[in-house]
Amino acid sequence: MPDRVRYAVTRFPDLAPAIKQCCADNRFFRSLCEDYGEAVEVLRGWEGENDPERLERCNACRELIADLEREILRELEHWIGE
């Protein structure tokens, strides 16, 4: 399991087996989880700064993370339903 995929597993622990299996079977899903992990890492690096520009970037990153979470769940739902 790629390092950044662990963020999706941590975020959705009840779905960990499905996430791991889907990552093994589906390159798109694995990439989606890696993108999610990268976004979480970027946000963690930016948080705590009082710079207004950074605050804007943090908010945009949070929105991206929420979008990726929804996409991960949608893909899992599709994969499980097959």
PDB file of N, CA and C in Angstrom:
ATOM      1  N   MET A   1       0.855  -1.180   0.000  1.00  0.00           N
ATOM      2  CA  MET A   1       0.000   0.000   0.000  1.00  0.00           C
ATOM      3  C   MET A   1       0.895   1.236   0.000  1.00  0.00           C
ATOM      4  N   PRO A   2       0.710   2.124  -0.971  1.00  0.00           N
ATOM      5  CA  PRO A   2       1.507   3.348  -1.009  1.00  0.00           C
ATOM      6  C   PRO A   2       1.318   4.172   0.263  1.00  0.00           C
ATOM      7  N   ASP A   3       2.360   4.880   0.633  1.00  0.00           N
ATOM      8  CA  ASP A   3       2.379   5.641   1.877  1.00  0.00           C
ATOM      9  C   ASP A   3       1.209   6.605   2.027  1.00  0.00           C
ATOM     10  N   ARG A   4       0.883   7.321   0.977  1.00  0.00           N
ATOM     11  CA  ARG A   4      -0.176   8.331   1.083  1.00  0.00           C
ATOM     12  C   ARG A   4      -1.582   7.727   1.136  1.00  0.00           C
ATOM     13  N   VAL A   5      -1.710   6.485   0.750  1.00  0.00           N
ATOM     14  CA  VAL A   5      -3.021   5.820   0.819  1.00  0.00           C
ATOM     15  C   VAL A   5      -3.445   5.656   2.278  1.00  0.00           C
ATOM     16  N   ARG A   6      -2.489   5.602   3.167  1.00  0.00           N
ATOM     17  CA  ARG A   6      -2.824   5.416   4.587  1.00  0.00           C
ATOM     18  C   ARG A   6      -3.714   6.534   5.127  1.00  0.00           C
ATOM     19  N   TYR A   7      -3.658   7.714   4.521  1.00  0.00           N
ATOM     20  CA  TYR A   7      -4.528   8.802   4.965  1.00  0.00           C
ATOM     21  C   TYR A   7      -5.992   8.461   4.715  1.00  0.00           C
ATOM     22  N   ALA A   8      -6.290   7.831   3.608  1.00  0.00           N
ATOM     23  CA  ALA A   8      -7.666   7.408   3.325  1.00  0.00           C
ATOM     24  C   ALA A   8      -8.081   6.313   4.299  1.00  0.00           C
ATOM     25  N   VAL A   9      -7.175   5.407   4.593  1.00  0.00           N
ATOM     26  CA  VAL A   9      -7.464   4.330   5.546  1.00  0.00           C
ATOM     27  C   VAL A   9      -7.710   4.915   6.931  1.00  0.00           C
ATOM     28  N   THR A  10      -6.913   5.900   7.312  1.00  0.00           N
ATOM     29  CA  THR A  10      -7.079   6.555   8.613  1.00  0.00           C
ATOM     30  C   THR A  10      -8.402   7.322   8.667  1.00  0.00           C
ATOM     31  N   ARG A  11      -8.750   7.969   7.576  1.00  0.00           N
ATOM     32  CA  ARG A  11      -9.984   8.766   7.530  1.00  0.00           C
ATOM     33  C   ARG A  11     -11.224   7.881   7.558  1.00  0.00           C
ATOM     34  N   PHE A  12     -11.148   6.734   6.905  1.00  0.00           N
ATOM     35  CA  PHE A  12     -12.290   5.814   6.823  1.00  0.00           C
ATOM     36  C   PHE A  12     -11.877   4.431   7.348  1.00  0.00           C
ATOM     37  N   PRO A  13     -11.608   4.304   8.640  1.00  0.00           N
ATOM     38  CA  PRO A  13     -11.092   3.030   9.171  1.00  0.00           C
ATOM     39  C   PRO A  13     -12.037   1.841   8.961  1.00  0.00           C
ATOM     40  N   ASP A  14     -13.334   2.079   8.970  1.00  0.00           N
ATOM     41  CA  ASP A  14     -14.287   0.980   8.763  1.00  0.00           C
ATOM     42  C   ASP A  14     -14.226   0.436   7.335  1.00  0.00           C
ATOM     43  N   LEU A  15     -13.684   1.230   6.427  1.00  0.00           N
ATOM     44  CA  LEU A  15     -13.589   0.830   5.028  1.00  0.00           C
ATOM     45  C   LEU A  15     -12.173   0.415   4.639  1.00  0.00           C
ATOM     46  N   ALA A  16     -11.303   0.276   5.627  1.00  0.00           N
ATOM     47  CA  ALA A  16      -9.889  -0.020   5.359  1.00  0.00           C
ATOM     48  C   ALA A  16      -9.689  -1.236   4.450  1.00  0.00           C
ATOM     49  N   PRO A  17     -10.331  -2.373   4.715  1.00  0.00           N
ATOM     50  CA  PRO A  17     -10.115  -3.512   3.819  1.00  0.00           C
ATOM     51  C   PRO A  17     -10.536  -3.218   2.375  1.00  0.00           C
ATOM     52  N   ALA A  18     -11.662  -2.540   2.212  1.00  0.00           N
ATOM     53  CA  ALA A  18     -12.133  -2.214   0.868  1.00  0.00           C
ATOM     54  C   ALA A  18     -11.186  -1.227   0.185  1.00  0.00           C
ATOM     55  N   ILE A  19     -10.689  -0.250   0.923  1.00  0.00           N
ATOM     56  CA  ILE A  19      -9.754   0.726   0.360  1.00  0.00           C
ATOM     57  C   ILE A  19      -8.490   0.025  -0.109  1.00  0.00           C
ATOM     58  N   LYS A  20      -7.947  -0.832   0.727  1.00  0.00           N
ATOM     59  CA  LYS A  20      -6.713  -1.536   0.371  1.00  0.00           C
ATOM     60  C   LYS A  20      -6.913  -2.425  -0.857  1.00  0.00           C
ATOM     61  N   GLN A  21      -8.019  -3.144  -0.899  1.00  0.00           N
ATOM     62  CA  GLN A  21      -8.274  -4.029  -2.028  1.00  0.00           C
ATOM     63  C   GLN A  21      -8.528  -3.244  -3.305  1.00  0.00           C
ATOM     64  N   CYS A  22      -9.314  -2.184  -3.192  1.00  0.00           N
ATOM     65  CA  CYS A  22      -9.612  -1.376  -4.370  1.00  0.00           C
ATOM     66  C   CYS A  22      -8.340  -0.704  -4.897  1.00  0.00           C
ATOM     67  N   CYS A  23      -7.455  -0.289  -4.011  1.00  0.00           N
ATOM     68  CA  CYS A  23      -6.173   0.289  -4.433  1.00  0.00           C
ATOM     69  C   CYS A  23      -5.339  -0.740  -5.195  1.00  0.00           C
ATOM     70  N   ALA A  24      -5.412  -1.979  -4.749  1.00  0.00           N
ATOM     71  CA  ALA A  24      -4.658  -3.040  -5.416  1.00  0.00           C
ATOM     72  C   ALA A  24      -5.236  -3.362  -6.797  1.00  0.00           C
ATOM     73  N   ASP A  25      -6.549  -3.211  -6.936  1.00  0.00           N
ATOM     74  CA  ASP A  25      -7.234  -3.590  -8.175  1.00  0.00           C
ATOM     75  C   ASP A  25      -7.432  -2.458  -9.175  1.00  0.00           C
ATOM     76  N   ASN A  26      -7.361  -1.202  -8.700  1.00  0.00           N
ATOM     77  CA  ASN A  26      -7.794  -0.082  -9.528  1.00  0.00           C
ATOM     78  C   ASN A  26      -6.782   1.064  -9.448  1.00  0.00           C
ATOM     79  N   ARG A  27      -6.078   1.287 -10.535  1.00  0.00           N
ATOM     80  CA  ARG A  27      -5.046   2.332 -10.585  1.00  0.00           C
ATOM     81  C   ARG A  27      -5.645   3.723 -10.356  1.00  0.00           C
ATOM     82  N   PHE A  28      -6.830   3.987 -10.933  1.00  0.00           N
ATOM     83  CA  PHE A  28      -7.477   5.290 -10.746  1.00  0.00           C
ATOM     84  C   PHE A  28      -7.779   5.537  -9.277  1.00  0.00           C
ATOM     85  N   PHE A  29      -8.327   4.531  -8.597  1.00  0.00           N
ATOM     86  CA  PHE A  29      -8.665   4.681  -7.185  1.00  0.00           C
ATOM     87  C   PHE A  29      -7.411   4.893  -6.345  1.00  0.00           C
ATOM     88  N   ARG A  30      -6.367   4.149  -6.644  1.00  0.00           N
ATOM     89  CA  ARG A  30      -5.098   4.305  -5.919  1.00  0.00           C
ATOM     90  C   ARG A  30      -4.572   5.733  -6.090  1.00  0.00           C
ATOM     91  N   SER A  31      -4.654   6.252  -7.307  1.00  0.00           N
ATOM     92  CA  SER A  31      -4.218   7.620  -7.585  1.00  0.00           C
ATOM     93  C   SER A  31      -5.073   8.633  -6.824  1.00  0.00           C
ATOM     94  N   LEU A  32      -6.360   8.373  -6.759  1.00  0.00           N
ATOM     95  CA  LEU A  32      -7.279   9.238  -6.015  1.00  0.00           C
ATOM     96  C   LEU A  32      -6.892   9.280  -4.535  1.00  0.00           C
ATOM     97  N   CYS A  33      -6.596   8.127  -3.965  1.00  0.00           N
ATOM     98  CA  CYS A  33      -6.191   8.056  -2.560  1.00  0.00           C
ATOM     99  C   CYS A  33      -4.829   8.732  -2.339  1.00  0.00           C
ATOM    100  N   GLU A  34      -3.932   8.588  -3.295  1.00  0.00           N
ATOM    101  CA  GLU A  34      -2.631   9.250  -3.186  1.00  0.00           C
ATOM    102  C   GLU A  34      -2.792  10.765  -3.269  1.00  0.00           C
ATOM    103  N   ASP A  35      -3.672  11.235  -4.138  1.00  0.00           N
ATOM    104  CA  ASP A  35      -3.957  12.674  -4.219  1.00  0.00           C
ATOM    105  C   ASP A  35      -4.529  13.179  -2.897  1.00  0.00           C
ATOM    106  N   TYR A  36      -5.413  12.392  -2.311  1.00  0.00           N
ATOM    107  CA  TYR A  36      -6.001  12.740  -1.020  1.00  0.00           C
ATOM    108  C   TYR A  36      -4.901  12.861   0.037  1.00  0.00           C
ATOM    109  N   GLY A  37      -4.013  11.879   0.081  1.00  0.00           N
ATOM    110  CA  GLY A  37      -2.919  11.915   1.048  1.00  0.00           C
ATOM    111  C   GLY A  37      -2.014  13.120   0.846  1.00  0.00           C
ATOM    112  N   GLU A  38      -1.739  13.437  -0.398  1.00  0.00           N
ATOM    113  CA  GLU A  38      -0.900  14.603  -0.691  1.00  0.00           C
ATOM    114  C   GLU A  38      -1.583  15.892  -0.226  1.00  0.00           C
ATOM    115  N   ALA A  39      -2.878  16.006  -0.461  1.00  0.00           N
ATOM    116  CA  ALA A  39      -3.619  17.195  -0.037  1.00  0.00           C
ATOM    117  C   ALA A  39      -3.613  17.330   1.486  1.00  0.00           C
ATOM    118  N   VAL A  40      -3.764  16.218   2.187  1.00  0.00           N
ATOM    119  CA  VAL A  40      -3.722  16.249   3.654  1.00  0.00           C
ATOM    120  C   VAL A  40      -2.344  16.700   4.133  1.00  0.00           C
ATOM    121  N   GLU A  41      -1.296  16.185   3.514  1.00  0.00           N
ATOM    122  CA  GLU A  41       0.064  16.585   3.894  1.00  0.00           C
ATOM    123  C   GLU A  41       0.294  18.069   3.636  1.00  0.00           C
ATOM    124  N   VAL A  42      -0.164  18.560   2.499  1.00  0.00           N
ATOM    125  CA  VAL A  42       0.000  19.987   2.175  1.00  0.00           C
ATOM    126  C   VAL A  42      -0.736  20.836   3.204  1.00  0.00           C
ATOM    127  N   LEU A  43      -1.965  20.469   3.520  1.00  0.00           N
ATOM    128  CA  LEU A  43      -2.739  21.229   4.499  1.00  0.00           C
ATOM    129  C   LEU A  43      -2.028  21.256   5.843  1.00  0.00           C
ATOM    130  N   ARG A  44      -1.524  20.147   6.274  1.00  0.00           N
ATOM    131  CA  ARG A  44      -0.807  20.102   7.558  1.00  0.00           C
ATOM    132  C   ARG A  44       0.406  21.022   7.552  1.00  0.00           C
ATOM    133  N   GLY A  45       1.056  21.121   6.405  1.00  0.00           N
ATOM    134  CA  GLY A  45       2.210  22.006   6.294  1.00  0.00           C
ATOM    135  C   GLY A  45       1.831  23.476   6.338  1.00  0.00           C
ATOM    136  N   TRP A  46       0.639  23.793   5.871  1.00  0.00           N
ATOM    137  CA  TRP A  46       0.204  25.187   5.812  1.00  0.00           C
ATOM    138  C   TRP A  46      -0.526  25.646   7.067  1.00  0.00           C
ATOM    139  N   GLU A  47      -1.122  24.737   7.805  1.00  0.00           N
ATOM    140  CA  GLU A  47      -1.903  25.126   8.982  1.00  0.00           C
ATOM    141  C   GLU A  47      -1.001  25.778  10.024  1.00  0.00           C
ATOM    142  N   GLY A  48      -1.600  26.648  10.803  1.00  0.00           N
ATOM    143  CA  GLY A  48      -0.871  27.305  11.868  1.00  0.00           C
ATOM    144  C   GLY A  48      -0.216  28.605  11.446  1.00  0.00           C
ATOM    145  N   GLU A  49      -0.242  28.895  10.183  1.00  0.00           N
ATOM    146  CA  GLU A  49       0.320  30.151   9.687  1.00  0.00           C
ATOM    147  C   GLU A  49      -0.764  31.232   9.730  1.00  0.00           C
ATOM    148  N   ASN A  50      -0.376  32.442  10.078  1.00  0.00           N
ATOM    149  CA  ASN A  50      -1.339  33.549  10.155  1.00  0.00           C
ATOM    150  C   ASN A  50      -1.366  34.397   8.896  1.00  0.00           C
ATOM    151  N   ASP A  51      -0.594  34.039   7.921  1.00  0.00           N
ATOM    152  CA  ASP A  51      -0.540  34.766   6.658  1.00  0.00           C
ATOM    153  C   ASP A  51      -1.890  34.644   5.954  1.00  0.00           C
ATOM    154  N   PRO A  52      -2.517  35.775   5.577  1.00  0.00           N
ATOM    155  CA  PRO A  52      -3.835  35.722   4.913  1.00  0.00           C
ATOM    156  C   PRO A  52      -3.827  34.886   3.634  1.00  0.00           C
ATOM    157  N   GLU A  53      -2.757  34.949   2.877  1.00  0.00           N
ATOM    158  CA  GLU A  53      -2.676  34.154   1.653  1.00  0.00           C
ATOM    159  C   GLU A  53      -2.653  32.662   1.985  1.00  0.00           C
ATOM    160  N   ARG A  54      -1.938  32.313   3.022  1.00  0.00           N
ATOM    161  CA  ARG A  54      -1.893  30.912   3.449  1.00  0.00           C
ATOM    162  C   ARG A  54      -3.241  30.443   3.940  1.00  0.00           C
ATOM    163  N   LEU A  55      -3.936  31.320   4.643  1.00  0.00           N
ATOM    164  CA  LEU A  55      -5.274  30.986   5.142  1.00  0.00           C
ATOM    165  C   LEU A  55      -6.210  30.676   3.972  1.00  0.00           C
ATOM    166  N   GLU A  56      -6.118  31.470   2.906  1.00  0.00           N
ATOM    167  CA  GLU A  56      -6.904  31.210   1.703  1.00  0.00           C
ATOM    168  C   GLU A  56      -6.560  29.857   1.098  1.00  0.00           C
ATOM    169  N   ARG A  57      -5.270  29.579   1.041  1.00  0.00           N
ATOM    170  CA  ARG A  57      -4.823  28.294   0.496  1.00  0.00           C
ATOM    171  C   ARG A  57      -5.300  27.139   1.363  1.00  0.00           C
ATOM    172  N   CYS A  58      -5.279  27.315   2.672  1.00  0.00           N
ATOM    173  CA  CYS A  58      -5.767  26.264   3.578  1.00  0.00           C
ATOM    174  C   CYS A  58      -7.241  25.984   3.324  1.00  0.00           C
ATOM    175  N   ASN A  59      -8.020  27.038   3.160  1.00  0.00           N
ATOM    176  CA  ASN A  59      -9.451  26.857   2.910  1.00  0.00           C
ATOM    177  C   ASN A  59      -9.685  26.137   1.583  1.00  0.00           C
ATOM    178  N   ALA A  60      -8.938  26.515   0.562  1.00  0.00           N
ATOM    179  CA  ALA A  60      -9.067  25.841  -0.736  1.00  0.00           C
ATOM    180  C   ALA A  60      -8.651  24.384  -0.625  1.00  0.00           C
ATOM    181  N   CYS A  61      -7.603  24.128   0.140  1.00  0.00           N
ATOM    182  CA  CYS A  61      -7.127  22.761   0.325  1.00  0.00           C
ATOM    183  C   CYS A  61      -8.159  21.922   1.088  1.00  0.00           C
ATOM    184  N   ARG A  62      -8.795  22.520   2.083  1.00  0.00           N
ATOM    185  CA  ARG A  62      -9.851  21.814   2.826  1.00  0.00           C
ATOM    186  C   ARG A  62     -11.008  21.441   1.896  1.00  0.00           C
ATOM    187  N   GLU A  63     -11.352  22.343   0.999  1.00  0.00           N
ATOM    188  CA  GLU A  63     -12.410  22.051   0.031  1.00  0.00           C
ATOM    189  C   GLU A  63     -11.997  20.905  -0.889  1.00  0.00           C
ATOM    190  N   LEU A  64     -10.753  20.929  -1.336  1.00  0.00           N
ATOM    191  CA  LEU A  64     -10.242  19.852  -2.177  1.00  0.00           C
ATOM    192  C   LEU A  64     -10.291  18.522  -1.432  1.00  0.00           C
ATOM    193  N   ILE A  65      -9.879  18.530  -0.184  1.00  0.00           N
ATOM    194  CA  ILE A  65      -9.897  17.310   0.633  1.00  0.00           C
ATOM    195  C   ILE A  65     -11.325  16.773   0.754  1.00  0.00           C
ATOM    196  N   ALA A  66     -12.276  17.650   1.000  1.00  0.00           N
ATOM    197  CA  ALA A  66     -13.680  17.222   1.114  1.00  0.00           C
ATOM    198  C   ALA A  66     -14.171  16.628  -0.209  1.00  0.00           C
ATOM    199  N   ASP A  67     -13.790  17.262  -1.322  1.00  0.00           N
ATOM    200  CA  ASP A  67     -14.167  16.728  -2.637  1.00  0.00           C
ATOM    201  C   ASP A  67     -13.558  15.350  -2.868  1.00  0.00           C
ATOM    202  N   LEU A  68     -12.297  15.202  -2.512  1.00  0.00           N
ATOM    203  CA  LEU A  68     -11.625  13.909  -2.693  1.00  0.00           C
ATOM    204  C   LEU A  68     -12.246  12.841  -1.799  1.00  0.00           C
ATOM    205  N   GLU A  69     -12.634  13.207  -0.581  1.00  0.00           N
ATOM    206  CA  GLU A  69     -13.299  12.249   0.308  1.00  0.00           C
ATOM    207  C   GLU A  69     -14.610  11.756  -0.312  1.00  0.00           C
ATOM    208  N   ARG A  70     -15.373  12.687  -0.874  1.00  0.00           N
ATOM    209  CA  ARG A  70     -16.634  12.289  -1.519  1.00  0.00           C
ATOM    210  C   ARG A  70     -16.363  11.373  -2.707  1.00  0.00           C
ATOM    211  N   GLU A  71     -15.346  11.698  -3.482  1.00  0.00           N
ATOM    212  CA  GLU A  71     -15.004  10.886  -4.648  1.00  0.00           C
ATOM    213  C   GLU A  71     -14.527   9.492  -4.228  1.00  0.00           C
ATOM    214  N   ILE A  72     -13.738   9.416  -3.173  1.00  0.00           N
ATOM    215  CA  ILE A  72     -13.284   8.118  -2.656  1.00  0.00           C
ATOM    216  C   ILE A  72     -14.488   7.272  -2.264  1.00  0.00           C
ATOM    217  N   LEU A  73     -15.415   7.863  -1.537  1.00  0.00           N
ATOM    218  CA  LEU A  73     -16.604   7.119  -1.110  1.00  0.00           C
ATOM    219  C   LEU A  73     -17.456   6.694  -2.300  1.00  0.00           C
ATOM    220  N   ARG A  74     -17.587   7.570  -3.294  1.00  0.00           N
ATOM    221  CA  ARG A  74     -18.349   7.234  -4.501  1.00  0.00           C
ATOM    222  C   ARG A  74     -17.710   6.062  -5.249  1.00  0.00           C
ATOM    223  N   GLU A  75     -16.412   6.123  -5.393  1.00  0.00           N
ATOM    224  CA  GLU A  75     -15.703   5.046  -6.090  1.00  0.00           C
ATOM    225  C   GLU A  75     -15.817   3.730  -5.315  1.00  0.00           C
ATOM    226  N   LEU A  76     -15.710   3.786  -4.013  1.00  0.00           N
ATOM    227  CA  LEU A  76     -15.850   2.566  -3.205  1.00  0.00           C
ATOM    228  C   LEU A  76     -17.247   1.992  -3.347  1.00  0.00           C
ATOM    229  N   GLU A  77     -18.228   2.870  -3.299  1.00  0.00           N
ATOM    230  CA  GLU A  77     -19.615   2.425  -3.450  1.00  0.00           C
ATOM    231  C   GLU A  77     -19.801   1.728  -4.796  1.00  0.00           C
ATOM    232  N   HIS A  78     -19.242   2.298  -5.829  1.00  0.00           N
ATOM    233  CA  HIS A  78     -19.318   1.702  -7.170  1.00  0.00           C
ATOM    234  C   HIS A  78     -18.573   0.369  -7.206  1.00  0.00           C
ATOM    235  N   TRP A  79     -17.383   0.330  -6.631  1.00  0.00           N
ATOM    236  CA  TRP A  79     -16.559  -0.883  -6.646  1.00  0.00           C
ATOM    237  C   TRP A  79     -17.215  -1.997  -5.843  1.00  0.00           C
ATOM    238  N   ILE A  80     -17.766  -1.669  -4.687  1.00  0.00           N
ATOM    239  CA  ILE A  80     -18.427  -2.679  -3.835  1.00  0.00           C
ATOM    240  C   ILE A  80     -19.710  -3.183  -4.502  1.00  0.00           C
ATOM    241  N   GLY A  81     -20.389  -2.297  -5.217  1.00  0.00           N
ATOM    242  CA  GLY A  81     -21.649  -2.658  -5.860  1.00  0.00           C
ATOM    243  C   GLY A  81     -21.497  -3.542  -7.082  1.00  0.00           C
ATOM    244  N   GLU A  82     -20.280  -3.665  -7.596  1.00  0.00           N
ATOM    245  CA  GLU A  82     -20.080  -4.480  -8.818  1.00  0.00           C
ATOM    246  C   GLU A  82     -20.213  -5.945  -8.538  1.00  0.00           C
TER     247      GLU A  82
END
